[in-house]
């Protein structure tokens, strides 16, 4: 997940540079279109992970599992690895925070 996030950030930088170069070289424009589609697909995949995390979060609340530190840690980790601000929201709502909770928040 971290590699995917880093790759997306790198690709955004490459896309910005290629946008300028496509004016001079039309082949770059074609390549740029293909790369944009790949980046958008990867971002959609990350959003699907966040949506799945939210479903798990709702099921955890519904089944009374939110009070368990391990469940809260898992939710903070999922949201954090996907780059979602829900990681911070979930962290703030965690009752008992341990080193895993803090690490997931910091690294997310």
N, C-alpha and C. Protein backbone atom coordinates (compact mmCIF):
# COMPACT_ATOMS: atom_id res chain seq x y z
N UNK A 1 0.82 -1.18 0.00
CA UNK A 1 0.00 0.00 0.00
C UNK A 1 0.87 1.25 0.00
N UNK A 2 1.91 1.25 0.83
CA UNK A 2 2.81 2.40 0.89
C UNK A 2 3.51 2.61 -0.45
N UNK A 3 3.91 1.50 -1.08
CA UNK A 3 4.58 1.60 -2.37
C UNK A 3 3.64 2.20 -3.41
N UNK A 4 2.38 1.79 -3.36
CA UNK A 4 1.39 2.31 -4.30
C UNK A 4 1.20 3.81 -4.10
N UNK A 5 1.12 4.23 -2.83
CA UNK A 5 0.96 5.65 -2.53
C UNK A 5 2.16 6.46 -3.02
N UNK A 6 3.36 5.95 -2.77
CA UNK A 6 4.57 6.64 -3.20
C UNK A 6 4.66 6.68 -4.73
N UNK A 7 4.29 5.58 -5.35
CA UNK A 7 4.29 5.53 -6.82
C UNK A 7 3.32 6.55 -7.40
N UNK A 8 2.14 6.67 -6.79
CA UNK A 8 1.17 7.65 -7.27
C UNK A 8 1.70 9.07 -7.16
N UNK A 9 2.36 9.37 -6.06
CA UNK A 9 2.93 10.70 -5.90
C UNK A 9 4.00 10.98 -6.95
N UNK A 10 4.83 9.97 -7.21
CA UNK A 10 5.88 10.10 -8.22
C UNK A 10 5.26 10.30 -9.60
N UNK A 11 4.23 9.52 -9.88
CA UNK A 11 3.59 9.62 -11.19
C UNK A 11 2.93 10.97 -11.40
N UNK A 12 2.39 11.55 -10.35
CA UNK A 12 1.82 12.89 -10.47
C UNK A 12 2.90 13.89 -10.89
N UNK A 13 4.08 13.77 -10.33
CA UNK A 13 5.18 14.66 -10.70
C UNK A 13 5.58 14.43 -12.16
N UNK A 14 5.64 13.18 -12.56
CA UNK A 14 5.99 12.85 -13.95
C UNK A 14 4.93 13.39 -14.90
N UNK A 15 3.66 13.24 -14.51
CA UNK A 15 2.57 13.74 -15.35
C UNK A 15 2.66 15.25 -15.55
N UNK A 16 2.95 15.95 -14.48
CA UNK A 16 3.08 17.40 -14.60
C UNK A 16 4.19 17.80 -15.56
N UNK A 17 5.32 17.09 -15.47
CA UNK A 17 6.45 17.38 -16.37
C UNK A 17 6.09 17.02 -17.81
N UNK A 18 5.42 15.90 -17.99
CA UNK A 18 5.07 15.44 -19.34
C UNK A 18 4.04 16.37 -19.98
N UNK A 19 3.19 16.97 -19.20
CA UNK A 19 2.20 17.91 -19.74
C UNK A 19 2.90 19.03 -20.49
N UNK A 20 4.01 19.51 -19.95
CA UNK A 20 4.76 20.58 -20.60
C UNK A 20 5.44 20.08 -21.87
N UNK A 21 5.94 18.85 -21.83
CA UNK A 21 6.70 18.31 -22.96
C UNK A 21 5.82 17.85 -24.11
N UNK A 22 4.54 17.60 -23.86
CA UNK A 22 3.68 17.09 -24.93
C UNK A 22 3.44 18.12 -26.02
N UNK A 23 3.66 19.37 -25.69
CA UNK A 23 3.50 20.44 -26.68
C UNK A 23 4.55 20.28 -27.79
N UNK A 24 5.75 19.90 -27.40
CA UNK A 24 6.85 19.74 -28.36
C UNK A 24 6.82 18.38 -29.04
N UNK A 25 6.43 17.34 -28.30
CA UNK A 25 6.49 15.98 -28.81
C UNK A 25 5.12 15.31 -28.68
N UNK A 26 4.41 15.08 -29.80
CA UNK A 26 3.07 14.48 -29.74
C UNK A 26 3.05 13.06 -29.19
N UNK A 27 4.15 12.33 -29.33
CA UNK A 27 4.23 10.97 -28.78
C UNK A 27 4.10 11.01 -27.26
N UNK A 28 4.67 12.03 -26.65
CA UNK A 28 4.56 12.20 -25.20
C UNK A 28 3.09 12.37 -24.81
N UNK A 29 2.33 13.05 -25.65
CA UNK A 29 0.90 13.25 -25.38
C UNK A 29 0.15 11.93 -25.32
N UNK A 30 0.43 11.02 -26.25
CA UNK A 30 -0.22 9.70 -26.25
C UNK A 30 0.17 8.90 -25.01
N UNK A 31 1.45 8.92 -24.71
CA UNK A 31 1.95 8.22 -23.52
C UNK A 31 1.32 8.81 -22.26
N UNK A 32 1.18 10.12 -22.25
CA UNK A 32 0.61 10.81 -21.11
C UNK A 32 -0.83 10.39 -20.87
N UNK A 33 -1.60 10.27 -21.94
CA UNK A 33 -3.00 9.83 -21.79
C UNK A 33 -3.08 8.44 -21.17
N UNK A 34 -2.24 7.52 -21.63
CA UNK A 34 -2.24 6.16 -21.07
C UNK A 34 -1.84 6.17 -19.59
N UNK A 35 -0.83 6.96 -19.27
CA UNK A 35 -0.36 7.03 -17.89
C UNK A 35 -1.42 7.64 -16.98
N UNK A 36 -2.12 8.64 -17.47
CA UNK A 36 -3.19 9.26 -16.68
C UNK A 36 -4.26 8.23 -16.33
N UNK A 37 -4.63 7.40 -17.31
CA UNK A 37 -5.64 6.37 -17.05
C UNK A 37 -5.15 5.39 -15.98
N UNK A 38 -3.88 5.02 -16.05
CA UNK A 38 -3.33 4.09 -15.05
C UNK A 38 -3.33 4.71 -13.66
N UNK A 39 -2.98 5.99 -13.57
CA UNK A 39 -2.96 6.67 -12.28
C UNK A 39 -4.38 6.77 -11.72
N UNK A 40 -5.33 7.12 -12.56
CA UNK A 40 -6.71 7.23 -12.09
C UNK A 40 -7.24 5.87 -11.62
N UNK A 41 -6.86 4.80 -12.32
CA UNK A 41 -7.27 3.46 -11.90
C UNK A 41 -6.68 3.11 -10.53
N UNK A 42 -5.43 3.46 -10.32
CA UNK A 42 -4.79 3.18 -9.02
C UNK A 42 -5.45 4.00 -7.91
N UNK A 43 -5.78 5.24 -8.19
CA UNK A 43 -6.47 6.06 -7.19
C UNK A 43 -7.85 5.49 -6.87
N UNK A 44 -8.53 4.98 -7.90
CA UNK A 44 -9.83 4.35 -7.67
C UNK A 44 -9.68 3.13 -6.77
N UNK A 45 -8.61 2.38 -6.97
CA UNK A 45 -8.35 1.20 -6.15
C UNK A 45 -8.13 1.60 -4.69
N UNK A 46 -7.37 2.65 -4.45
CA UNK A 46 -7.17 3.14 -3.09
C UNK A 46 -8.50 3.56 -2.47
N UNK A 47 -9.34 4.22 -3.24
CA UNK A 47 -10.65 4.62 -2.74
C UNK A 47 -11.51 3.42 -2.39
N UNK A 48 -11.39 2.35 -3.16
CA UNK A 48 -12.12 1.12 -2.84
C UNK A 48 -11.65 0.54 -1.52
N UNK A 49 -10.35 0.60 -1.25
CA UNK A 49 -9.83 0.13 0.03
C UNK A 49 -10.40 0.95 1.18
N UNK A 50 -10.46 2.27 0.99
CA UNK A 50 -11.03 3.14 2.04
C UNK A 50 -12.50 2.79 2.25
N UNK A 51 -13.24 2.58 1.17
CA UNK A 51 -14.65 2.21 1.29
C UNK A 51 -14.82 0.89 2.04
N UNK A 52 -13.95 -0.07 1.74
CA UNK A 52 -13.99 -1.35 2.45
C UNK A 52 -13.68 -1.15 3.93
N UNK A 53 -12.70 -0.29 4.22
CA UNK A 53 -12.38 0.04 5.61
C UNK A 53 -13.57 0.64 6.33
N UNK A 54 -14.32 1.49 5.65
CA UNK A 54 -15.50 2.11 6.25
C UNK A 54 -16.58 1.07 6.51
N UNK A 55 -16.72 0.10 5.61
CA UNK A 55 -17.69 -0.97 5.83
C UNK A 55 -17.30 -1.80 7.06
N UNK A 56 -16.02 -2.12 7.16
CA UNK A 56 -15.53 -2.87 8.32
C UNK A 56 -15.74 -2.05 9.59
N UNK A 57 -15.49 -0.75 9.50
CA UNK A 57 -15.68 0.15 10.64
C UNK A 57 -17.14 0.11 11.10
N UNK A 58 -18.06 0.21 10.15
CA UNK A 58 -19.49 0.17 10.49
C UNK A 58 -19.88 -1.16 11.12
N UNK A 59 -19.37 -2.24 10.58
CA UNK A 59 -19.67 -3.56 11.15
C UNK A 59 -19.08 -3.69 12.56
N UNK A 60 -17.93 -3.09 12.77
CA UNK A 60 -17.31 -3.13 14.09
C UNK A 60 -18.15 -2.37 15.11
N UNK A 61 -18.68 -1.23 14.70
CA UNK A 61 -19.56 -0.45 15.58
C UNK A 61 -20.84 -1.24 15.86
N UNK A 62 -21.42 -1.77 14.81
CA UNK A 62 -22.68 -2.51 14.91
C UNK A 62 -22.56 -3.72 15.84
N UNK A 63 -21.40 -4.38 15.80
CA UNK A 63 -21.20 -5.59 16.59
C UNK A 63 -20.50 -5.34 17.93
N UNK A 64 -20.33 -4.08 18.29
CA UNK A 64 -19.76 -3.74 19.59
C UNK A 64 -18.28 -4.02 19.73
N UNK A 65 -17.55 -3.97 18.63
CA UNK A 65 -16.12 -4.29 18.67
C UNK A 65 -15.23 -3.06 18.76
N UNK A 66 -15.81 -1.88 18.71
CA UNK A 66 -15.02 -0.65 18.67
C UNK A 66 -14.20 -0.44 19.94
N UNK A 67 -14.63 -0.94 21.06
CA UNK A 67 -13.88 -0.76 22.30
C UNK A 67 -12.58 -1.54 22.36
N UNK A 68 -12.40 -2.48 21.46
CA UNK A 68 -11.19 -3.31 21.47
C UNK A 68 -10.04 -2.56 20.78
N UNK A 69 -8.93 -2.46 21.47
CA UNK A 69 -7.79 -1.72 20.95
C UNK A 69 -7.31 -2.31 19.63
N UNK A 70 -7.29 -3.61 19.51
CA UNK A 70 -6.80 -4.24 18.28
C UNK A 70 -7.67 -3.88 17.07
N UNK A 71 -8.98 -3.78 17.28
CA UNK A 71 -9.88 -3.40 16.19
C UNK A 71 -9.65 -1.94 15.80
N UNK A 72 -9.54 -1.08 16.81
CA UNK A 72 -9.30 0.34 16.54
C UNK A 72 -7.95 0.54 15.84
N UNK A 73 -6.95 -0.20 16.27
CA UNK A 73 -5.63 -0.12 15.63
C UNK A 73 -5.69 -0.53 14.16
N UNK A 74 -6.43 -1.60 13.89
CA UNK A 74 -6.57 -2.07 12.51
C UNK A 74 -7.24 -1.02 11.64
N UNK A 75 -8.26 -0.38 12.17
CA UNK A 75 -8.96 0.66 11.40
C UNK A 75 -8.06 1.86 11.13
N UNK A 76 -7.34 2.30 12.16
CA UNK A 76 -6.41 3.42 11.97
C UNK A 76 -5.35 3.05 10.93
N UNK A 77 -4.87 1.83 10.97
CA UNK A 77 -3.85 1.36 10.03
C UNK A 77 -4.38 1.35 8.59
N UNK A 78 -5.57 0.79 8.40
CA UNK A 78 -6.16 0.73 7.05
C UNK A 78 -6.34 2.13 6.48
N UNK A 79 -6.96 3.00 7.27
CA UNK A 79 -7.18 4.37 6.79
C UNK A 79 -5.85 5.08 6.53
N UNK A 80 -4.91 4.91 7.42
CA UNK A 80 -3.62 5.59 7.27
C UNK A 80 -2.86 5.14 6.04
N UNK A 81 -2.84 3.83 5.80
CA UNK A 81 -2.10 3.31 4.64
C UNK A 81 -2.74 3.74 3.33
N UNK A 82 -4.04 4.05 3.37
CA UNK A 82 -4.72 4.52 2.17
C UNK A 82 -4.64 6.03 2.03
N UNK A 83 -4.05 6.70 3.02
CA UNK A 83 -3.92 8.15 2.96
C UNK A 83 -5.21 8.88 3.27
N UNK A 84 -6.11 8.21 3.98
CA UNK A 84 -7.41 8.80 4.30
C UNK A 84 -7.35 9.59 5.61
N UNK A 85 -8.02 10.72 5.63
CA UNK A 85 -8.10 11.51 6.86
C UNK A 85 -8.95 10.82 7.93
N UNK A 86 -9.65 9.76 7.54
CA UNK A 86 -10.40 8.98 8.51
C UNK A 86 -9.48 8.34 9.54
N UNK A 87 -8.21 8.20 9.21
CA UNK A 87 -7.24 7.66 10.18
C UNK A 87 -7.16 8.57 11.39
N UNK A 88 -7.07 9.85 11.16
CA UNK A 88 -6.98 10.82 12.26
C UNK A 88 -8.29 10.88 13.05
N UNK A 89 -9.40 10.86 12.34
CA UNK A 89 -10.71 10.87 13.01
C UNK A 89 -10.86 9.64 13.91
N UNK A 90 -10.49 8.48 13.37
CA UNK A 90 -10.60 7.24 14.14
C UNK A 90 -9.64 7.26 15.32
N UNK A 91 -8.43 7.77 15.09
CA UNK A 91 -7.45 7.87 16.18
C UNK A 91 -8.01 8.70 17.33
N UNK A 92 -8.62 9.83 17.00
CA UNK A 92 -9.17 10.71 18.04
C UNK A 92 -10.28 10.03 18.84
N UNK A 93 -11.01 9.12 18.19
CA UNK A 93 -12.12 8.44 18.87
C UNK A 93 -11.68 7.20 19.65
N UNK A 94 -10.44 6.77 19.44
CA UNK A 94 -9.94 5.58 20.15
C UNK A 94 -9.91 5.86 21.64
N UNK A 95 -10.43 4.90 22.40
CA UNK A 95 -10.40 5.04 23.85
C UNK A 95 -8.99 4.85 24.39
N UNK A 96 -8.52 3.63 24.38
CA UNK A 96 -7.18 3.31 24.84
C UNK A 96 -6.23 3.32 23.65
N UNK A 97 -5.19 4.12 23.76
CA UNK A 97 -4.19 4.18 22.69
C UNK A 97 -2.91 3.53 23.20
N UNK A 98 -2.34 2.66 22.36
CA UNK A 98 -1.06 2.06 22.72
C UNK A 98 -0.03 2.42 21.65
N UNK A 99 1.13 1.83 21.73
CA UNK A 99 2.21 2.19 20.79
C UNK A 99 1.83 1.87 19.34
N UNK A 100 1.02 0.84 19.15
CA UNK A 100 0.59 0.48 17.79
C UNK A 100 -0.34 1.55 17.25
N UNK A 101 -1.23 2.05 18.10
CA UNK A 101 -2.16 3.11 17.67
C UNK A 101 -1.38 4.35 17.25
N UNK A 102 -0.41 4.73 18.08
CA UNK A 102 0.39 5.91 17.77
C UNK A 102 1.23 5.68 16.51
N UNK A 103 1.83 4.53 16.36
CA UNK A 103 2.66 4.24 15.18
C UNK A 103 1.82 4.25 13.91
N UNK A 104 0.63 3.67 13.98
CA UNK A 104 -0.23 3.65 12.79
C UNK A 104 -0.62 5.06 12.39
N UNK A 105 -0.84 5.93 13.36
CA UNK A 105 -1.21 7.31 13.08
C UNK A 105 -0.03 8.09 12.50
N UNK A 106 1.11 7.93 13.10
CA UNK A 106 2.30 8.66 12.65
C UNK A 106 2.74 8.20 11.27
N UNK A 107 2.76 6.89 11.04
CA UNK A 107 3.24 6.34 9.78
C UNK A 107 2.21 6.48 8.66
N UNK A 108 0.94 6.60 9.02
CA UNK A 108 -0.13 6.69 8.03
C UNK A 108 -0.05 7.93 7.26
